[in-house]
PDB file of all heavy atoms in Angstrom:
ATOM      1  N   ALA A   1      83.251 290.025 -14.676  1.00  0.00           N
ATOM      2  CA  ALA A   1      84.628 289.938 -14.198  1.00  0.00           C
ATOM      3  C   ALA A   1      85.251 288.621 -14.452  1.00  0.00           C
ATOM      4  O   ALA A   1      86.511 288.496 -14.452  1.00  0.00           O
ATOM      5  CB  ALA A   1      84.668 290.286 -12.696  1.00  0.00           C
ATOM      6  N   ALA A   2      84.438 287.598 -14.665  1.00  0.00           N
ATOM      7  CA  ALA A   2      84.975 286.239 -14.902  1.00  0.00           C
ATOM      8  C   ALA A   2      84.904 285.807 -16.355  1.00  0.00           C
ATOM      9  O   ALA A   2      85.403 284.734 -16.741  1.00  0.00           O
ATOM     10  CB  ALA A   2      84.244 285.263 -14.016  1.00  0.00           C
ATOM     11  N   GLN A   3      84.329 286.596 -17.203  1.00  0.00           N
ATOM     12  CA  GLN A   3      84.177 286.243 -18.628  1.00  0.00           C
ATOM     13  C   GLN A   3      85.531 286.207 -19.299  1.00  0.00           C
ATOM     14  O   GLN A   3      86.457 286.895 -18.929  1.00  0.00           O
ATOM     15  CB  GLN A   3      83.227 287.201 -19.303  1.00  0.00           C
ATOM     16  CG  GLN A   3      81.778 287.031 -18.810  1.00  0.00           C
ATOM     17  CD  GLN A   3      80.824 288.036 -19.383  1.00  0.00           C
ATOM     18  OE1 GLN A   3      81.132 288.852 -20.244  1.00  0.00           O
ATOM     19  NE2 GLN A   3      79.585 287.974 -18.916  1.00  0.00           N
ATOM     20  N   GLY A   4      85.612 285.269 -20.240  1.00  0.00           N
ATOM     21  CA  GLY A   4      86.913 285.071 -20.958  1.00  0.00           C
ATOM     22  C   GLY A   4      87.793 284.080 -20.274  1.00  0.00           C
ATOM     23  O   GLY A   4      88.953 283.866 -20.708  1.00  0.00           O
ATOM     24  N   ARG A   5      87.420 283.496 -19.152  1.00  0.00           N
ATOM     25  CA  ARG A   5      88.231 282.552 -18.411  1.00  0.00           C
ATOM     26  C   ARG A   5      87.862 281.089 -18.648  1.00  0.00           C
ATOM     27  O   ARG A   5      88.389 280.195 -18.033  1.00  0.00           O
ATOM     28  CB  ARG A   5      88.113 282.859 -16.895  1.00  0.00           C
ATOM     29  CG  ARG A   5      88.472 284.253 -16.450  1.00  0.00           C
ATOM     30  CD  ARG A   5      89.978 284.431 -16.251  1.00  0.00           C
ATOM     31  NE  ARG A   5      90.596 283.509 -15.419  1.00  0.00           N
ATOM     32  CZ  ARG A   5      90.723 283.572 -14.085  1.00  0.00           C
ATOM     33  NH1 ARG A   5      90.222 284.654 -13.454  1.00  0.00           N
ATOM     34  NH2 ARG A   5      91.315 282.596 -13.394  1.00  0.00           N
ATOM     35  N   GLY A   6      86.837 280.857 -19.508  1.00  0.00           N
ATOM     36  CA  GLY A   6      86.402 279.517 -19.824  1.00  0.00           C
ATOM     37  C   GLY A   6      85.268 278.976 -18.997  1.00  0.00           C
ATOM     38  O   GLY A   6      84.868 277.834 -19.138  1.00  0.00           O
ATOM     39  N   LEU A   7      84.707 279.813 -18.108  1.00  0.00           N
ATOM     40  CA  LEU A   7      83.639 279.371 -17.238  1.00  0.00           C
ATOM     41  C   LEU A   7      82.388 279.017 -18.042  1.00  0.00           C
ATOM     42  O   LEU A   7      81.755 278.007 -17.805  1.00  0.00           O
ATOM     43  CB  LEU A   7      83.346 280.363 -16.133  1.00  0.00           C
ATOM     44  CG  LEU A   7      82.243 279.969 -15.151  1.00  0.00           C
ATOM     45  CD1 LEU A   7      82.615 278.667 -14.436  1.00  0.00           C
ATOM     46  CD2 LEU A   7      81.999 281.103 -14.172  1.00  0.00           C
ATOM     47  N   GLY A   8      81.989 279.888 -18.989  1.00  0.00           N
ATOM     48  CA  GLY A   8      80.786 279.609 -19.729  1.00  0.00           C
ATOM     49  C   GLY A   8      80.873 278.302 -20.477  1.00  0.00           C
ATOM     50  O   GLY A   8      79.935 277.492 -20.493  1.00  0.00           O
ATOM     51  N   VAL A   9      81.991 278.045 -21.143  1.00  0.00           N
ATOM     52  CA  VAL A   9      82.201 276.794 -21.840  1.00  0.00           C
ATOM     53  C   VAL A   9      82.124 275.657 -20.891  1.00  0.00           C
ATOM     54  O   VAL A   9      81.490 274.594 -21.195  1.00  0.00           O
ATOM     55  CB  VAL A   9      83.553 276.815 -22.610  1.00  0.00           C
ATOM     56  CG1 VAL A   9      83.873 275.402 -23.136  1.00  0.00           C
ATOM     57  CG2 VAL A   9      83.500 277.804 -23.759  1.00  0.00           C
ATOM     58  N   ALA A  10      82.753 275.744 -19.764  1.00  0.00           N
ATOM     59  CA  ALA A  10      82.761 274.666 -18.730  1.00  0.00           C
ATOM     60  C   ALA A  10      81.341 274.381 -18.258  1.00  0.00           C
ATOM     61  O   ALA A  10      80.962 273.172 -18.044  1.00  0.00           O
ATOM     62  CB  ALA A  10      83.690 275.014 -17.592  1.00  0.00           C
ATOM     63  N   MET A  11      80.547 275.404 -18.067  1.00  0.00           N
ATOM     64  CA  MET A  11      79.201 275.220 -17.583  1.00  0.00           C
ATOM     65  C   MET A  11      78.292 274.548 -18.660  1.00  0.00           C
ATOM     66  O   MET A  11      77.499 273.655 -18.374  1.00  0.00           O
ATOM     67  CB  MET A  11      78.573 276.558 -17.124  1.00  0.00           C
ATOM     68  CG  MET A  11      79.284 277.065 -15.880  1.00  0.00           C
ATOM     69  SD  MET A  11      78.606 278.594 -15.235  1.00  0.00           S
ATOM     70  CE  MET A  11      77.129 277.902 -14.395  1.00  0.00           C
ATOM     71  N   VAL A  12      78.491 274.969 -19.905  1.00  0.00           N
ATOM     72  CA  VAL A  12      77.700 274.303 -21.004  1.00  0.00           C
ATOM     73  C   VAL A  12      78.182 272.869 -21.134  1.00  0.00           C
ATOM     74  O   VAL A  12      77.340 271.960 -21.259  1.00  0.00           O
ATOM     75  CB  VAL A  12      77.852 275.093 -22.319  1.00  0.00           C
ATOM     76  CG1 VAL A  12      77.253 274.325 -23.493  1.00  0.00           C
ATOM     77  CG2 VAL A  12      77.200 276.482 -22.214  1.00  0.00           C
ATOM     78  N   GLN A  13      79.445 272.606 -21.011  1.00  0.00           N
ATOM     79  CA  GLN A  13      79.938 271.208 -21.138  1.00  0.00           C
ATOM     80  C   GLN A  13      79.424 270.392 -19.979  1.00  0.00           C
ATOM     81  O   GLN A  13      79.089 269.206 -20.163  1.00  0.00           O
ATOM     82  CB  GLN A  13      81.464 271.198 -21.136  1.00  0.00           C
ATOM     83  CG  GLN A  13      82.033 269.832 -21.399  1.00  0.00           C
ATOM     84  CD  GLN A  13      81.613 269.278 -22.767  1.00  0.00           C
ATOM     85  OE1 GLN A  13      81.799 269.945 -23.782  1.00  0.00           O
ATOM     86  NE2 GLN A  13      81.034 268.088 -22.816  1.00  0.00           N
ATOM     87  N   TRP A  14      79.273 270.941 -18.813  1.00  0.00           N
ATOM     88  CA  TRP A  14      78.684 270.238 -17.668  1.00  0.00           C
ATOM     89  C   TRP A  14      77.285 269.781 -18.049  1.00  0.00           C
ATOM     90  O   TRP A  14      76.916 268.624 -17.793  1.00  0.00           O
ATOM     91  CB  TRP A  14      78.609 271.133 -16.440  1.00  0.00           C
ATOM     92  CG  TRP A  14      78.172 270.404 -15.228  1.00  0.00           C
ATOM     93  CD1 TRP A  14      78.969 269.891 -14.198  1.00  0.00           C
ATOM     94  CD2 TRP A  14      76.820 270.113 -14.827  1.00  0.00           C
ATOM     95  NE1 TRP A  14      78.167 269.277 -13.231  1.00  0.00           N
ATOM     96  CE2 TRP A  14      76.868 269.420 -13.601  1.00  0.00           C
ATOM     97  CE3 TRP A  14      75.581 270.388 -15.403  1.00  0.00           C
ATOM     98  CZ2 TRP A  14      75.692 268.971 -12.965  1.00  0.00           C
ATOM     99  CZ3 TRP A  14      74.439 269.920 -14.749  1.00  0.00           C
ATOM    100  CH2 TRP A  14      74.514 269.231 -13.564  1.00  0.00           C
ATOM    101  N   CYS A  15      76.512 270.661 -18.695  1.00  0.00           N
ATOM    102  CA  CYS A  15      75.123 270.308 -19.097  1.00  0.00           C
ATOM    103  C   CYS A  15      75.133 269.224 -20.186  1.00  0.00           C
ATOM    104  O   CYS A  15      74.295 268.318 -20.149  1.00  0.00           O
ATOM    105  CB  CYS A  15      74.407 271.569 -19.623  1.00  0.00           C
ATOM    106  SG  CYS A  15      74.063 272.772 -18.356  1.00  0.00           S
ATOM    107  N   ILE A  16      76.042 269.325 -21.126  1.00  0.00           N
ATOM    108  CA  ILE A  16      76.154 268.292 -22.189  1.00  0.00           C
ATOM    109  C   ILE A  16      76.437 266.940 -21.547  1.00  0.00           C
ATOM    110  O   ILE A  16      75.803 265.949 -21.859  1.00  0.00           O
ATOM    111  CB  ILE A  16      77.212 268.679 -23.208  1.00  0.00           C
ATOM    112  CG1 ILE A  16      76.766 269.906 -23.994  1.00  0.00           C
ATOM    113  CG2 ILE A  16      77.528 267.529 -24.130  1.00  0.00           C
ATOM    114  CD1 ILE A  16      77.835 270.593 -24.843  1.00  0.00           C
ATOM    115  N   ASP A  17      77.426 266.910 -20.652  1.00  0.00           N
ATOM    116  CA  ASP A  17      77.790 265.669 -19.992  1.00  0.00           C
ATOM    117  C   ASP A  17      76.627 265.090 -19.161  1.00  0.00           C
ATOM    118  O   ASP A  17      76.349 263.897 -19.204  1.00  0.00           O
ATOM    119  CB  ASP A  17      79.029 265.878 -19.092  1.00  0.00           C
ATOM    120  CG  ASP A  17      80.283 266.225 -19.898  1.00  0.00           C
ATOM    121  OD1 ASP A  17      80.336 265.969 -21.128  1.00  0.00           O
ATOM    122  OD2 ASP A  17      81.237 266.739 -19.263  1.00  0.00           O
ATOM    123  N   ARG A  18      75.956 265.944 -18.441  1.00  0.00           N
ATOM    124  CA  ARG A  18      74.851 265.517 -17.622  1.00  0.00           C
ATOM    125  C   ARG A  18      73.708 264.983 -18.457  1.00  0.00           C
ATOM    126  O   ARG A  18      73.063 263.974 -18.162  1.00  0.00           O
ATOM    127  CB  ARG A  18      74.377 266.676 -16.701  1.00  0.00           C
ATOM    128  CG  ARG A  18      73.131 266.388 -15.892  1.00  0.00           C
ATOM    129  CD  ARG A  18      73.401 265.317 -14.819  1.00  0.00           C
ATOM    130  NE  ARG A  18      72.178 265.103 -14.078  1.00  0.00           N
ATOM    131  CZ  ARG A  18      71.895 265.673 -12.913  1.00  0.00           C
ATOM    132  NH1 ARG A  18      72.688 266.553 -12.373  1.00  0.00           N
ATOM    133  NH2 ARG A  18      70.729 265.414 -12.336  1.00  0.00           N
ATOM    134  N   ALA A  19      73.393 265.676 -19.589  1.00  0.00           N
ATOM    135  CA  ALA A  19      72.336 265.240 -20.484  1.00  0.00           C
ATOM    136  C   ALA A  19      72.664 263.841 -21.038  1.00  0.00           C
ATOM    137  O   ALA A  19      71.768 262.981 -21.118  1.00  0.00           O
ATOM    138  CB  ALA A  19      72.138 266.245 -21.630  1.00  0.00           C
ATOM    139  N   ARG A  20      73.899 263.638 -21.408  1.00  0.00           N
ATOM    140  CA  ARG A  20      74.321 262.283 -21.844  1.00  0.00           C
ATOM    141  C   ARG A  20      74.108 261.271 -20.777  1.00  0.00           C
ATOM    142  O   ARG A  20      73.553 260.169 -21.009  1.00  0.00           O
ATOM    143  CB  ARG A  20      75.788 262.305 -22.287  1.00  0.00           C
ATOM    144  CG  ARG A  20      76.032 262.830 -23.664  1.00  0.00           C
ATOM    145  CD  ARG A  20      77.432 262.527 -24.100  1.00  0.00           C
ATOM    146  NE  ARG A  20      77.660 263.173 -25.393  1.00  0.00           N
ATOM    147  CZ  ARG A  20      78.519 264.143 -25.588  1.00  0.00           C
ATOM    148  NH1 ARG A  20      79.311 264.575 -24.621  1.00  0.00           N
ATOM    149  NH2 ARG A  20      78.660 264.694 -26.806  1.00  0.00           N
ATOM    150  N   ASP A  21      74.527 261.601 -19.553  1.00  0.00           N
ATOM    151  CA  ASP A  21      74.387 260.659 -18.410  1.00  0.00           C
ATOM    152  C   ASP A  21      72.882 260.386 -18.169  1.00  0.00           C
ATOM    153  O   ASP A  21      72.530 259.299 -17.708  1.00  0.00           O
ATOM    154  CB  ASP A  21      74.999 261.269 -17.136  1.00  0.00           C
ATOM    155  CG  ASP A  21      76.498 261.298 -17.185  1.00  0.00           C
ATOM    156  OD1 ASP A  21      77.121 260.624 -18.092  1.00  0.00           O
ATOM    157  OD2 ASP A  21      77.094 261.938 -16.330  1.00  0.00           O
ATOM    158  N   ASP A  22      72.025 261.400 -18.451  1.00  0.00           N
ATOM    159  CA  ASP A  22      70.577 261.243 -18.252  1.00  0.00           C
ATOM    160  C   ASP A  22      69.930 260.504 -19.423  1.00  0.00           C
ATOM    161  O   ASP A  22      68.696 260.340 -19.419  1.00  0.00           O
ATOM    162  CB  ASP A  22      69.906 262.596 -18.071  1.00  0.00           C
ATOM    163  CG  ASP A  22      70.236 263.293 -16.769  1.00  0.00           C
ATOM    164  OD1 ASP A  22      70.730 262.612 -15.852  1.00  0.00           O
ATOM    165  OD2 ASP A  22      69.979 264.502 -16.645  1.00  0.00           O
ATOM    166  N   GLY A  23      70.694 260.162 -20.448  1.00  0.00           N
ATOM    167  CA  GLY A  23      70.153 259.439 -21.610  1.00  0.00           C
ATOM    168  C   GLY A  23      69.453 260.330 -22.598  1.00  0.00           C
ATOM    169  O   GLY A  23      68.687 259.858 -23.422  1.00  0.00           O
ATOM    170  N   ARG A  24      69.692 261.617 -22.524  1.00  0.00           N
ATOM    171  CA  ARG A  24      69.021 262.577 -23.465  1.00  0.00           C
ATOM    172  C   ARG A  24      69.796 262.573 -24.759  1.00  0.00           C
ATOM    173  O   ARG A  24      71.018 262.487 -24.800  1.00  0.00           O
ATOM    174  CB  ARG A  24      69.000 263.972 -22.849  1.00  0.00           C
ATOM    175  CG  ARG A  24      68.199 264.033 -21.583  1.00  0.00           C
ATOM    176  CD  ARG A  24      66.771 263.766 -21.881  1.00  0.00           C
ATOM    177  NE  ARG A  24      66.007 263.578 -20.668  1.00  0.00           N
ATOM    178  CZ  ARG A  24      64.815 263.022 -20.645  1.00  0.00           C
ATOM    179  NH1 ARG A  24      64.263 262.592 -21.752  1.00  0.00           N
ATOM    180  NH2 ARG A  24      64.165 262.906 -19.553  1.00  0.00           N
ATOM    181  N   ARG A  25      69.051 262.755 -25.838  1.00  0.00           N
ATOM    182  CA  ARG A  25      69.625 262.743 -27.202  1.00  0.00           C
ATOM    183  C   ARG A  25      70.085 264.114 -27.664  1.00  0.00           C
ATOM    184  O   ARG A  25      70.874 264.254 -28.562  1.00  0.00           O
ATOM    185  CB  ARG A  25      68.661 262.157 -28.161  1.00  0.00           C
ATOM    186  CG  ARG A  25      68.349 260.674 -27.852  1.00  0.00           C
ATOM    187  CD  ARG A  25      67.421 260.081 -28.840  1.00  0.00           C
ATOM    188  NE  ARG A  25      68.079 260.223 -30.142  1.00  0.00           N
ATOM    189  CZ  ARG A  25      67.743 259.504 -31.209  1.00  0.00           C
ATOM    190  NH1 ARG A  25      66.788 258.649 -31.148  1.00  0.00           N
ATOM    191  NH2 ARG A  25      68.348 259.719 -32.355  1.00  0.00           N
ATOM    192  N   ARG A  26      69.523 265.131 -27.033  1.00  0.00           N
ATOM    193  CA  ARG A  26      69.871 266.487 -27.471  1.00  0.00           C
ATOM    194  C   ARG A  26      69.548 267.484 -26.336  1.00  0.00           C
ATOM    195  O   ARG A  26      68.814 267.159 -25.406  1.00  0.00           O
ATOM    196  CB  ARG A  26      69.155 266.907 -28.744  1.00  0.00           C
ATOM    197  CG  ARG A  26      67.683 267.007 -28.642  1.00  0.00           C
ATOM    198  CD  ARG A  26      66.996 267.006 -30.046  1.00  0.00           C
ATOM    199  NE  ARG A  26      65.920 266.056 -30.024  1.00  0.00           N
ATOM    200  CZ  ARG A  26      65.985 264.758 -30.419  1.00  0.00           C
ATOM    201  NH1 ARG A  26      67.065 264.295 -30.933  1.00  0.00           N
ATOM    202  NH2 ARG A  26      64.968 263.981 -30.327  1.00  0.00           N
ATOM    203  N   ILE A  27      70.141 268.674 -26.468  1.00  0.00           N
ATOM    204  CA  ILE A  27      69.817 269.791 -25.568  1.00  0.00           C
ATOM    205  C   ILE A  27      69.242 270.900 -26.445  1.00  0.00           C
ATOM    206  O   ILE A  27      69.801 271.263 -27.505  1.00  0.00           O
ATOM    207  CB  ILE A  27      71.062 270.300 -24.867  1.00  0.00           C
ATOM    208  CG1 ILE A  27      71.693 269.248 -23.978  1.00  0.00           C
ATOM    209  CG2 ILE A  27      70.776 271.560 -24.073  1.00  0.00           C
ATOM    210  CD1 ILE A  27      72.959 269.643 -23.282  1.00  0.00           C
ATOM    211  N   LEU A  28      68.107 271.403 -26.015  1.00  0.00           N
ATOM    212  CA  LEU A  28      67.443 272.512 -26.696  1.00  0.00           C
ATOM    213  C   LEU A  28      67.477 273.752 -25.794  1.00  0.00           C
ATOM    214  O   LEU A  28      67.195 273.592 -24.579  1.00  0.00           O
ATOM    215  CB  LEU A  28      65.998 272.109 -27.075  1.00  0.00           C
ATOM    216  CG  LEU A  28      65.899 270.924 -27.965  1.00  0.00           C
ATOM    217  CD1 LEU A  28      65.184 269.784 -27.250  1.00  0.00           C
ATOM    218  CD2 LEU A  28      65.210 271.263 -29.262  1.00  0.00           C
ATOM    219  N   ILE A  29      67.730 274.867 -26.350  1.00  0.00           N
ATOM    220  CA  ILE A  29      67.750 276.084 -25.558  1.00  0.00           C
ATOM    221  C   ILE A  29      67.124 277.197 -26.394  1.00  0.00           C
ATOM    222  O   ILE A  29      67.120 277.174 -27.608  1.00  0.00           O
ATOM    223  CB  ILE A  29      69.171 276.495 -25.122  1.00  0.00           C
ATOM    224  CG1 ILE A  29      70.123 276.557 -26.281  1.00  0.00           C
ATOM    225  CG2 ILE A  29      69.666 275.553 -24.037  1.00  0.00           C
ATOM    226  CD1 ILE A  29      71.498 277.014 -25.978  1.00  0.00           C
ATOM    227  N   HIS A  30      66.560 278.204 -25.704  1.00  0.00           N
ATOM    228  CA  HIS A  30      66.100 279.398 -26.339  1.00  0.00           C
ATOM    229  C   HIS A  30      67.129 280.497 -26.208  1.00  0.00           C
ATOM    230  O   HIS A  30      67.835 280.555 -25.202  1.00  0.00           O
ATOM    231  CB  HIS A  30      64.816 279.948 -25.639  1.00  0.00           C
ATOM    232  CG  HIS A  30      63.605 279.104 -25.840  1.00  0.00           C
ATOM    233  ND1 HIS A  30      63.064 278.911 -27.099  1.00  0.00           N
ATOM    234  CD2 HIS A  30      62.820 278.424 -24.991  1.00  0.00           C
ATOM    235  CE1 HIS A  30      61.984 278.154 -26.982  1.00  0.00           C
ATOM    236  NE2 HIS A  30      61.850 277.854 -25.738  1.00  0.00           N
ATOM    237  N   THR A  31      67.225 281.340 -27.226  1.00  0.00           N
ATOM    238  CA  THR A  31      68.004 282.588 -27.083  1.00  0.00           C
ATOM    239  C   THR A  31      67.204 283.705 -27.626  1.00  0.00           C
ATOM    240  O   THR A  31      66.164 283.487 -28.252  1.00  0.00           O
ATOM    241  CB  THR A  31      69.383 282.492 -27.830  1.00  0.00           C
ATOM    242  OG1 THR A  31      69.143 282.367 -29.223  1.00  0.00           O
ATOM    243  CG2 THR A  31      70.244 281.372 -27.349  1.00  0.00           C
ATOM    244  N   LEU A  32      67.694 284.877 -27.413  1.00  0.00           N
ATOM    245  CA  LEU A  32      67.124 286.096 -27.985  1.00  0.00           C
ATOM    246  C   LEU A  32      68.106 286.625 -29.049  1.00  0.00           C
ATOM    247  O   LEU A  32      69.293 286.337 -28.986  1.00  0.00           O
ATOM    248  CB  LEU A  32      66.946 287.190 -26.922  1.00  0.00           C
ATOM    249  CG  LEU A  32      66.038 286.856 -25.734  1.00  0.00           C
ATOM    250  CD1 LEU A  32      66.134 287.945 -24.680  1.00  0.00           C
ATOM    251  CD2 LEU A  32      64.602 286.664 -26.210  1.00  0.00           C
ATOM    252  N   ALA A  33      67.578 287.405 -29.988  1.00  0.00           N
ATOM    253  CA  ALA A  33      68.432 287.986 -30.986  1.00  0.00           C
ATOM    254  C   ALA A  33      69.582 288.773 -30.390  1.00  0.00           C
ATOM    255  O   ALA A  33      70.677 288.810 -30.878  1.00  0.00           O
ATOM    256  CB  ALA A  33      67.630 288.876 -31.946  1.00  0.00           C
ATOM    257  N   SER A  34      69.321 289.386 -29.221  1.00  0.00           N
ATOM    258  CA  SER A  34      70.305 290.252 -28.545  1.00  0.00           C
ATOM    259  C   SER A  34      71.390 289.407 -27.807  1.00  0.00           C
ATOM    260  O   SER A  34      72.363 289.978 -27.328  1.00  0.00           O
ATOM    261  CB  SER A  34      69.661 291.213 -27.598  1.00  0.00           C
ATOM    262  OG  SER A  34      68.958 290.500 -26.603  1.00  0.00           O
ATOM    263  N   MET A  35      71.245 288.083 -27.741  1.00  0.00           N
ATOM    264  CA  MET A  35      72.191 287.271 -27.004  1.00  0.00           C
ATOM    265  C   MET A  35      73.302 286.758 -27.919  1.00  0.00           C
ATOM    266  O   MET A  35      73.649 285.563 -27.974  1.00  0.00           O
ATOM    267  CB  MET A  35      71.434 286.066 -26.392  1.00  0.00           C
ATOM    268  CG  MET A  35      70.488 286.411 -25.289  1.00  0.00           C
ATOM    269  SD  MET A  35      69.645 284.942 -24.675  1.00  0.00           S
ATOM    270  CE  MET A  35      68.894 285.593 -23.215  1.00  0.00           C
ATOM    271  N   ARG A  36      73.960 287.662 -28.606  1.00  0.00           N
ATOM    272  CA  ARG A  36      74.976 287.260 -29.587  1.00  0.00           C
ATOM    273  C   ARG A  36      76.179 286.593 -28.911  1.00  0.00           C
ATOM    274  O   ARG A  36      76.672 285.590 -29.464  1.00  0.00           O
ATOM    275  CB  ARG A  36      75.402 288.483 -30.373  1.00  0.00           C
ATOM    276  CG  ARG A  36      74.357 288.984 -31.333  1.00  0.00           C
ATOM    277  CD  ARG A  36      74.706 290.220 -32.088  1.00  0.00           C
ATOM    278  NE  ARG A  36      73.612 290.721 -32.876  1.00  0.00           N
ATOM    279  CZ  ARG A  36      72.634 291.487 -32.416  1.00  0.00           C
ATOM    280  NH1 ARG A  36      72.642 291.834 -31.158  1.00  0.00           N
ATOM    281  NH2 ARG A  36      71.691 291.913 -33.200  1.00  0.00           N
ATOM    282  N   ALA A  37      76.619 287.072 -27.801  1.00  0.00           N
ATOM    283  CA  ALA A  37      77.752 286.440 -27.139  1.00  0.00           C
ATOM    284  C   ALA A  37      77.361 285.003 -26.698  1.00  0.00           C
ATOM    285  O   ALA A  37      78.170 284.091 -26.851  1.00  0.00           O
ATOM    286  CB  ALA A  37      78.204 287.270 -25.928  1.00  0.00           C
TER     287      ALA A  37
END
């Protein structure tokens, strides 16, 4: 019901900002082939 409102992008950006603050050089994540969106 909330998709398409920018929440997903905002949550990923939160992680990017936090990783930078934590001194991390990169973020690694796993996905599945079915996770196209």
